[in-house]
Amino acid sequence: MASDVLSDVLRSLRATGTVYFCDALEPPWHKAFPGEGGASFHQVRRGGCWLVADGIRQYLGPGDFVFLAPGCAHTLTSEDASAGSPHHDTLLLCGHCQFDEALAIPLSRLFPDTSVIRAEQLQAQAWLCALLDTLSAEYMSMKPGTHIVAIKLTALLLV
């Protein structure tokens, strides 16, 4: 059976990652991510927020997922300067991942700095929805072993 190039790259990709934040936030709130040391991902589990990255402000609603390339500084906030703050809490799942340095630079050229997958698009990928649900539930449980399970699930999410 012939191997495709993407499978070869993914097989050799050494990536590590973890969830570092999954919490309900009451407005007003503001989280700044400097973009240092790897890529970031966020999913709005409940509520909504504003993403500011690359000088662009866009709304993320329930179920929306965003992946930000290594080095991409960004902000998540409950406030919109033109519309005021939403009046509901927001549950965010946030994670971080690092790639083997030798592959990170060529891979980063293939993808935009910010990739938003809207909830409707995400629903078409049942395996990805299930993985994000499992990752969120595992992190929120804080059972013994949660940290290592989150690392393994995040690595799978990257693939």
Protein backbone atom coordinates (compact mmCIF):
# COMPACT_ATOMS: atom_id res chain seq x y z
CA MET A 1 0.00 0.00 0.00
CA ALA A 2 1.44 3.35 -1.06
CA SER A 3 1.92 6.00 1.59
CA ASP A 4 0.78 9.55 0.96
CA VAL A 5 3.01 12.53 1.75
CA LEU A 6 0.71 13.94 4.46
CA SER A 7 0.73 10.62 6.33
CA ASP A 8 4.53 10.56 6.15
CA VAL A 9 4.75 14.09 7.56
CA LEU A 10 2.24 13.37 10.34
CA ARG A 11 4.05 10.14 11.23
CA SER A 12 7.33 12.02 11.68
CA LEU A 13 5.73 14.99 13.45
CA ARG A 14 6.72 15.02 17.07
CA ALA A 15 4.16 17.17 18.81
CA THR A 16 3.31 17.70 22.43
CA GLY A 17 0.42 19.62 23.82
CA THR A 18 -1.82 20.15 26.75
CA VAL A 19 -4.93 21.91 27.92
CA TYR A 20 -4.08 24.75 30.26
CA PHE A 21 -7.43 26.43 30.76
CA CYS A 22 -11.04 25.35 30.81
CA ASP A 23 -13.19 27.57 32.92
CA ALA A 24 -16.37 29.59 33.04
CA LEU A 25 -15.70 33.32 32.81
CA GLU A 26 -18.09 36.06 33.93
CA PRO A 27 -17.97 39.31 31.91
CA PRO A 28 -16.08 41.48 31.74
CA TRP A 29 -12.96 39.40 31.10
CA HIS A 30 -9.88 39.67 28.92
CA LYS A 31 -7.18 37.05 28.22
CA ALA A 32 -4.00 37.93 26.31
CA PHE A 33 -1.84 35.21 24.77
CA PRO A 34 1.65 36.38 23.72
CA GLY A 35 2.10 33.59 21.14
CA GLU A 36 5.41 32.50 22.60
CA GLY A 37 6.56 28.91 22.61
CA GLY A 38 4.11 27.18 20.31
CA ALA A 39 0.68 27.13 18.77
CA SER A 40 -2.61 27.71 20.59
CA PHE A 41 -6.13 26.43 20.20
CA HIS A 42 -9.40 27.49 21.77
CA GLN A 43 -12.96 26.25 21.65
CA VAL A 44 -15.93 28.19 22.94
CA ARG A 45 -17.83 25.50 24.83
CA ARG A 46 -20.61 27.87 25.95
CA GLY A 47 -21.31 31.57 25.46
CA GLY A 48 -19.16 33.65 23.16
CA CYS A 49 -16.20 35.98 22.95
CA TRP A 50 -14.17 38.16 20.62
CA LEU A 51 -10.90 36.98 19.10
CA VAL A 52 -8.36 39.64 18.18
CA ALA A 53 -5.46 38.31 16.08
CA ASP A 54 -3.48 39.69 13.17
CA GLY A 55 -5.27 43.02 13.62
CA ILE A 56 -8.65 41.40 12.93
CA ARG A 57 -11.51 41.18 15.43
CA GLN A 58 -14.03 38.39 14.99
CA TYR A 59 -16.76 36.90 17.12
CA LEU A 60 -16.54 33.28 18.28
CA GLY A 61 -19.83 31.70 19.24
CA PRO A 62 -20.75 28.45 20.99
CA GLY A 63 -18.89 25.52 19.47
CA ASP A 64 -16.48 27.61 17.38
CA PHE A 65 -12.86 26.39 17.34
CA VAL A 66 -9.75 28.38 16.49
CA PHE A 67 -6.18 27.24 15.88
CA LEU A 68 -3.41 29.84 16.00
CA ALA A 69 0.01 29.15 14.51
CA PRO A 70 3.17 29.28 16.62
CA GLY A 71 4.11 32.86 17.41
CA CYS A 72 0.65 34.28 16.75
CA ALA A 73 -0.14 36.68 19.60
CA HIS A 74 -3.86 37.06 20.23
CA THR A 75 -6.51 38.11 22.69
CA LEU A 76 -9.84 36.66 23.74
CA THR A 77 -12.25 39.04 25.41
CA SER A 78 -15.88 39.33 26.45
CA GLU A 79 -16.02 42.95 25.33
CA ASP A 80 -16.66 44.49 21.94
CA ALA A 81 -15.90 48.18 21.72
CA SER A 82 -18.88 48.84 19.46
CA ALA A 83 -21.50 46.58 21.04
CA GLY A 84 -20.61 46.39 24.72
CA SER A 85 -20.18 43.17 26.65
CA PRO A 86 -22.29 40.07 26.23
CA HIS A 87 -24.26 39.43 29.42
CA HIS A 88 -23.53 35.73 29.83
CA ASP A 89 -20.71 33.59 31.06
CA THR A 90 -18.36 31.89 28.64
CA LEU A 91 -16.83 28.44 28.99
CA LEU A 92 -13.54 28.20 27.12
CA LEU A 93 -11.33 25.21 26.37
CA CYS A 94 -7.80 26.47 25.73
CA GLY A 95 -4.72 24.51 24.81
CA HIS A 96 -1.16 24.81 23.69
CA CYS A 97 1.04 22.65 21.49
CA GLN A 98 4.62 22.49 20.37
CA PHE A 99 6.11 20.82 17.34
CA ASP A 100 9.53 19.43 16.60
CA GLU A 101 11.51 22.51 15.55
CA ALA A 102 12.72 20.94 12.28
CA LEU A 103 9.14 20.45 11.03
CA ALA A 104 7.45 23.41 12.70
CA ILE A 105 8.83 26.04 10.33
CA PRO A 106 7.93 24.28 7.05
CA LEU A 107 4.49 23.28 8.41
CA SER A 108 3.75 26.80 9.61
CA ARG A 109 4.14 28.06 6.04
CA LEU A 110 1.32 25.77 4.88
CA PHE A 111 -1.35 27.15 7.20
CA PRO A 112 -2.66 30.63 7.98
CA ASP A 113 -1.78 32.19 11.33
CA THR A 114 -5.43 31.97 12.39
CA SER A 115 -7.82 29.20 11.36
CA VAL A 116 -11.40 29.42 12.60
CA ILE A 117 -13.69 26.42 12.29
CA ARG A 118 -17.28 27.46 12.93
CA ALA A 119 -19.58 25.21 14.97
CA GLU A 120 -21.57 24.23 11.87
CA GLN A 121 -18.38 23.11 10.08
CA LEU A 122 -17.17 21.29 13.18
CA GLN A 123 -20.41 19.30 13.40
CA ALA A 124 -19.55 17.67 10.06
CA GLN A 125 -16.47 16.17 11.74
CA ALA A 126 -18.01 13.87 14.38
CA TRP A 127 -14.63 12.49 15.46
CA LEU A 128 -13.30 16.02 16.12
CA CYS A 129 -16.41 17.00 18.11
CA ALA A 130 -16.10 13.82 20.18
CA LEU A 131 -12.40 14.47 20.80
CA LEU A 132 -13.03 18.06 21.94
CA ASP A 133 -15.92 16.89 24.17
CA THR A 134 -13.69 14.21 25.71
CA LEU A 135 -10.78 16.62 26.18
CA SER A 136 -13.03 19.18 27.87
CA ALA A 137 -14.72 16.61 30.13
CA GLU A 138 -11.40 15.06 31.10
CA TYR A 139 -9.85 18.41 31.98
CA MET A 140 -12.91 19.54 33.94
CA SER A 141 -12.95 16.28 35.95
CA MET A 142 -9.47 16.86 37.43
CA LYS A 143 -9.17 13.16 38.27
CA PRO A 144 -5.79 11.53 38.86
CA GLY A 145 -4.09 11.14 35.49
CA THR A 146 -5.98 14.02 33.86
CA HIS A 147 -2.78 15.82 32.89
CA ILE A 148 -1.33 12.89 30.93
CA VAL A 149 -4.68 12.11 29.28
CA ALA A 150 -4.98 15.78 28.20
CA ILE A 151 -1.46 15.63 26.71
CA LYS A 152 -2.29 12.48 24.70
CA LEU A 153 -5.67 13.81 23.51
CA THR A 154 -4.11 17.12 22.48
CA ALA A 155 -1.47 15.29 20.43
CA LEU A 156 -4.29 13.38 18.70
CA LEU A 157 -6.14 16.66 18.09
CA LEU A 158 -3.09 18.05 16.31
CA VAL A 159 -2.95 15.10 13.92
